[in-house]
Amino acid sequence: MTKTAHNTNRSFNKRTSKAIPDLESGVEEYYYTTKELSGLLNLAPSTLAGYRRSGVGPKYISLGYRTCRYARTEVLAYMAERARMSTSDQGPLKTSSQPLPL
């Protein structure tokens, strides 16, 4: 018996049985659900919800009361912004519009 090869680089949406493109794929634009993105980033969906509440995660599009999507380009931009070369690398400095207290 021969085994069939599976493409392990793709995830599938169980509800629609559609392939979910990887972040590195050449797809022009795709809008991930919270569940899809949490699977790709290996984060809990509640972590992404916490990021949305505190405003520290990737930009998202709110489509209603309980529906949001993450654009692939926004996720890639967020990841590039958070890239570090070492643990001591703080990343780009954020400038504040508020003056420092004396």
Protein backbone atom coordinates (compact mmCIF):
# COMPACT_ATOMS: atom_id res chain seq x y z
CA MET A 1 0.00 0.00 0.00
CA THR A 2 1.16 3.50 -0.73
CA LYS A 3 0.45 6.50 1.40
CA THR A 4 -1.05 9.59 -0.13
CA ALA A 5 0.91 12.79 0.32
CA HIS A 6 -0.80 15.57 2.21
CA ASN A 7 0.10 19.21 1.93
CA THR A 8 0.97 19.99 5.56
CA ASN A 9 1.56 23.68 4.86
CA ARG A 10 -2.15 24.41 4.42
CA SER A 11 -4.90 24.58 6.98
CA PHE A 12 -8.54 23.94 6.21
CA ASN A 13 -11.64 25.69 7.43
CA LYS A 14 -13.72 22.77 8.74
CA ARG A 15 -16.98 24.63 8.25
CA THR A 16 -16.47 25.38 4.55
CA SER A 17 -13.70 22.85 3.70
CA LYS A 18 -11.81 25.66 1.98
CA ALA A 19 -8.04 25.95 2.14
CA ILE A 20 -6.76 28.71 4.37
CA PRO A 21 -3.72 30.35 2.75
CA ASP A 22 -0.52 30.47 4.76
CA LEU A 23 0.83 33.90 5.62
CA GLU A 24 3.72 33.40 3.18
CA SER A 25 1.55 32.32 0.24
CA GLY A 26 1.25 34.48 -2.85
CA VAL A 27 -2.47 35.14 -2.38
CA GLU A 28 -3.21 38.81 -3.06
CA GLU A 29 -5.53 39.38 -0.11
CA TYR A 30 -7.28 37.15 2.36
CA TYR A 31 -9.24 38.01 5.49
CA TYR A 32 -8.63 35.59 8.35
CA THR A 33 -11.16 34.87 11.05
CA THR A 34 -9.96 34.97 14.64
CA LYS A 35 -9.97 31.18 14.76
CA GLU A 36 -8.00 30.85 11.51
CA LEU A 37 -5.41 33.41 12.55
CA SER A 38 -5.02 31.94 16.03
CA GLY A 39 -4.23 28.58 14.41
CA LEU A 40 -1.65 30.10 12.06
CA LEU A 41 0.06 32.10 14.83
CA ASN A 42 -0.29 29.37 17.46
CA LEU A 43 -2.14 31.73 19.80
CA ALA A 44 -5.39 31.19 21.65
CA PRO A 45 -8.40 33.04 20.18
CA SER A 46 -8.79 34.69 23.59
CA THR A 47 -5.27 36.13 23.22
CA LEU A 48 -6.27 37.82 19.96
CA ALA A 49 -9.44 39.10 21.68
CA GLY A 50 -7.29 40.56 24.44
CA TYR A 51 -5.06 42.19 21.83
CA ARG A 52 -8.14 43.77 20.24
CA ARG A 53 -9.35 45.12 23.59
CA SER A 54 -5.99 46.61 24.52
CA GLY A 55 -5.11 47.79 20.99
CA VAL A 56 -1.75 46.02 20.78
CA GLY A 57 -2.38 43.33 18.16
CA PRO A 58 -2.67 43.39 14.38
CA LYS A 59 -5.24 45.75 12.87
CA TYR A 60 -8.62 44.15 12.33
CA ILE A 61 -11.89 44.93 10.59
CA SER A 62 -15.05 44.87 12.68
CA LEU A 63 -17.97 43.52 10.67
CA GLY A 64 -20.56 43.49 13.41
CA TYR A 65 -21.21 42.62 17.01
CA ARG A 66 -19.19 39.38 17.14
CA THR A 67 -17.50 39.30 13.75
CA CYS A 68 -14.06 40.59 12.86
CA ARG A 69 -11.48 39.77 10.22
CA TYR A 70 -7.74 40.27 9.91
CA ALA A 71 -6.34 41.27 6.50
CA ARG A 72 -3.32 39.20 5.51
CA THR A 73 -1.32 42.34 4.66
CA GLU A 74 -2.06 43.88 8.08
CA VAL A 75 -0.95 40.70 9.87
CA LEU A 76 2.31 40.61 7.89
CA ALA A 77 2.92 44.31 8.64
CA TYR A 78 2.30 43.71 12.36
CA MET A 79 4.72 40.78 12.37
CA ALA A 80 7.40 42.79 10.53
CA GLU A 81 6.98 45.63 13.03
CA ARG A 82 7.55 43.22 15.93
CA ALA A 83 10.62 41.50 14.44
CA ARG A 84 13.69 41.66 16.68
CA MET A 85 17.32 40.66 16.21
CA SER A 86 17.97 39.83 19.87
CA THR A 87 16.27 39.83 23.25
CA SER A 88 17.85 43.19 24.07
CA ASP A 89 16.47 44.78 20.88
CA GLN A 90 13.59 47.06 21.94
CA GLY A 91 12.49 47.80 18.39
CA PRO A 92 11.72 51.25 17.05
CA LEU A 93 11.17 53.90 19.68
CA LYS A 94 7.64 55.22 19.92
CA THR A 95 7.46 58.98 20.15
CA SER A 96 4.77 60.37 22.37
CA SER A 97 2.85 63.54 21.65
CA GLN A 98 2.55 64.11 25.40
CA PRO A 99 5.40 66.05 27.06
CA LEU A 100 7.33 64.20 29.74
CA PRO A 101 6.41 65.15 33.33
CA LEU A 102 9.01 67.25 35.18
